[in-house]
Amino acid sequence: MAEAKGLSKPVKLKNELATLLGATELPRTEITKKLWDYIKANKLQTKTENGKAENGGKFIVADASLLSIFKNTKSTSKSGKLTDLTQMKEGETIDMMQMAAVVGANIE
């Protein structure tokens, strides 16, 4: 069997993400899927920035578990956009498009 490459290759998770997902290594695709499963199961989406969780929408509301992961995120994209969530507070939101930065900041 061929060795997994790219997004299918398992990566080591940082402690907070490993605790939330219950694994120490996962492929990026599985990390994203499990995060979305958690977000949907806990109804942590909203249609408005910093809105109340309403189980739908493009913004993700930070609960205590997600906050520990989000606060690890400070990265600059290839286009130069900075994603800095280090000062985020519980109940605040991120745009779902920032999930790639969150995942990237929480793997080794």
Protein backbone atom coordinates (compact mmCIF):
# COMPACT_ATOMS: atom_id res chain seq x y z
CA MET A 1 0.00 0.00 0.00
CA ALA A 2 1.29 3.48 -0.88
CA GLU A 3 2.34 5.89 1.83
CA ALA A 4 -0.20 8.64 2.53
CA LYS A 5 0.83 12.06 1.20
CA GLY A 6 -0.43 15.62 1.31
CA LEU A 7 -3.70 16.16 3.18
CA SER A 8 -4.06 12.40 3.74
CA LYS A 9 -0.76 12.08 5.61
CA PRO A 10 -1.21 11.89 9.41
CA VAL A 11 0.24 14.85 11.34
CA LYS A 12 0.96 15.25 15.06
CA LEU A 13 -1.63 17.31 16.94
CA LYS A 14 -0.76 19.85 19.63
CA ASN A 15 -2.11 19.03 23.11
CA GLU A 16 -5.33 21.09 23.09
CA LEU A 17 -6.45 19.77 19.71
CA ALA A 18 -5.44 16.20 20.60
CA THR A 19 -7.54 16.42 23.77
CA LEU A 20 -10.61 17.71 21.91
CA LEU A 21 -10.37 15.18 19.09
CA GLY A 22 -9.20 12.21 21.17
CA ALA A 23 -6.19 11.41 18.97
CA THR A 24 -2.52 12.40 18.80
CA GLU A 25 -2.14 11.98 15.02
CA LEU A 26 -4.68 12.44 12.22
CA PRO A 27 -4.67 13.49 8.55
CA ARG A 28 -5.66 17.15 8.01
CA THR A 29 -8.85 16.04 6.27
CA GLU A 30 -9.91 14.06 9.35
CA ILE A 31 -8.98 16.93 11.70
CA THR A 32 -11.25 19.28 9.77
CA LYS A 33 -14.07 16.73 9.64
CA LYS A 34 -13.90 16.06 13.40
CA LEU A 35 -13.82 19.79 14.20
CA TRP A 36 -16.95 20.33 12.07
CA ASP A 37 -18.63 17.34 13.73
CA TYR A 38 -17.93 18.97 17.12
CA ILE A 39 -19.14 22.40 15.95
CA LYS A 40 -22.38 20.99 14.54
CA ALA A 41 -23.05 18.67 17.49
CA ASN A 42 -22.71 21.62 19.88
CA LYS A 43 -24.62 24.05 17.64
CA LEU A 44 -21.73 26.51 17.51
CA GLN A 45 -22.56 28.27 14.24
CA THR A 46 -24.17 31.66 13.71
CA LYS A 47 -25.12 33.80 10.73
CA THR A 48 -23.69 37.02 12.17
CA GLU A 49 -20.24 37.96 13.42
CA ASN A 50 -20.15 37.60 17.23
CA GLY A 51 -23.79 36.54 17.12
CA LYS A 52 -25.48 34.02 19.39
CA ALA A 53 -25.04 30.34 18.44
CA GLU A 54 -27.99 29.30 16.28
CA ASN A 55 -26.89 26.03 14.64
CA GLY A 56 -26.25 27.43 11.18
CA GLY A 57 -24.25 30.09 9.37
CA LYS A 58 -20.72 30.90 8.31
CA PHE A 59 -19.38 32.02 11.68
CA ILE A 60 -18.14 29.65 14.39
CA VAL A 61 -18.78 30.57 18.03
CA ALA A 62 -15.90 29.80 20.39
CA ASP A 63 -16.90 27.72 23.41
CA ALA A 64 -14.29 26.89 26.09
CA SER A 65 -12.96 23.86 24.18
CA LEU A 66 -12.63 25.63 20.82
CA LEU A 67 -11.20 28.73 22.48
CA SER A 68 -8.17 26.77 23.71
CA ILE A 69 -7.49 25.79 20.08
CA PHE A 70 -8.34 29.15 18.49
CA LYS A 71 -6.00 31.03 20.88
CA ASN A 72 -3.01 29.07 19.45
CA THR A 73 -3.63 30.69 16.05
CA LYS A 74 -1.38 33.45 14.79
CA SER A 75 -0.37 32.95 11.18
CA THR A 76 0.06 34.83 7.92
CA SER A 77 -1.36 33.35 4.72
CA LYS A 78 0.53 33.23 1.42
CA SER A 79 -1.46 36.29 0.35
CA GLY A 80 -0.21 38.16 3.43
CA LYS A 81 -3.43 38.10 5.49
CA LEU A 82 -2.78 37.82 9.23
CA THR A 83 -5.02 35.57 11.32
CA ASP A 84 -4.38 36.40 14.99
CA LEU A 85 -6.82 34.81 17.44
CA THR A 86 -4.52 34.93 20.48
CA GLN A 87 -6.67 37.55 22.27
CA MET A 88 -10.02 35.91 21.47
CA LYS A 89 -12.65 35.49 24.19
CA GLU A 90 -15.30 32.83 24.71
CA GLY A 91 -18.48 33.63 22.75
CA GLU A 92 -16.63 35.51 20.00
CA THR A 93 -16.68 34.13 16.45
CA ILE A 94 -14.36 33.30 13.59
CA ASP A 95 -15.26 33.07 9.91
CA MET A 96 -15.36 29.46 8.71
CA MET A 97 -12.70 30.37 6.14
CA GLN A 98 -10.23 30.78 9.02
CA MET A 99 -10.45 27.05 9.90
CA ALA A 100 -7.45 26.20 7.70
CA ALA A 101 -5.31 28.65 9.71
CA VAL A 102 -6.63 27.17 12.97
CA VAL A 103 -5.80 23.62 11.89
CA GLY A 104 -2.35 24.70 10.65
CA ALA A 105 -1.56 26.43 13.94
CA ASN A 106 -2.52 23.35 16.00
CA ILE A 107 -0.37 20.71 14.34
CA GLU A 108 3.35 20.06 14.60
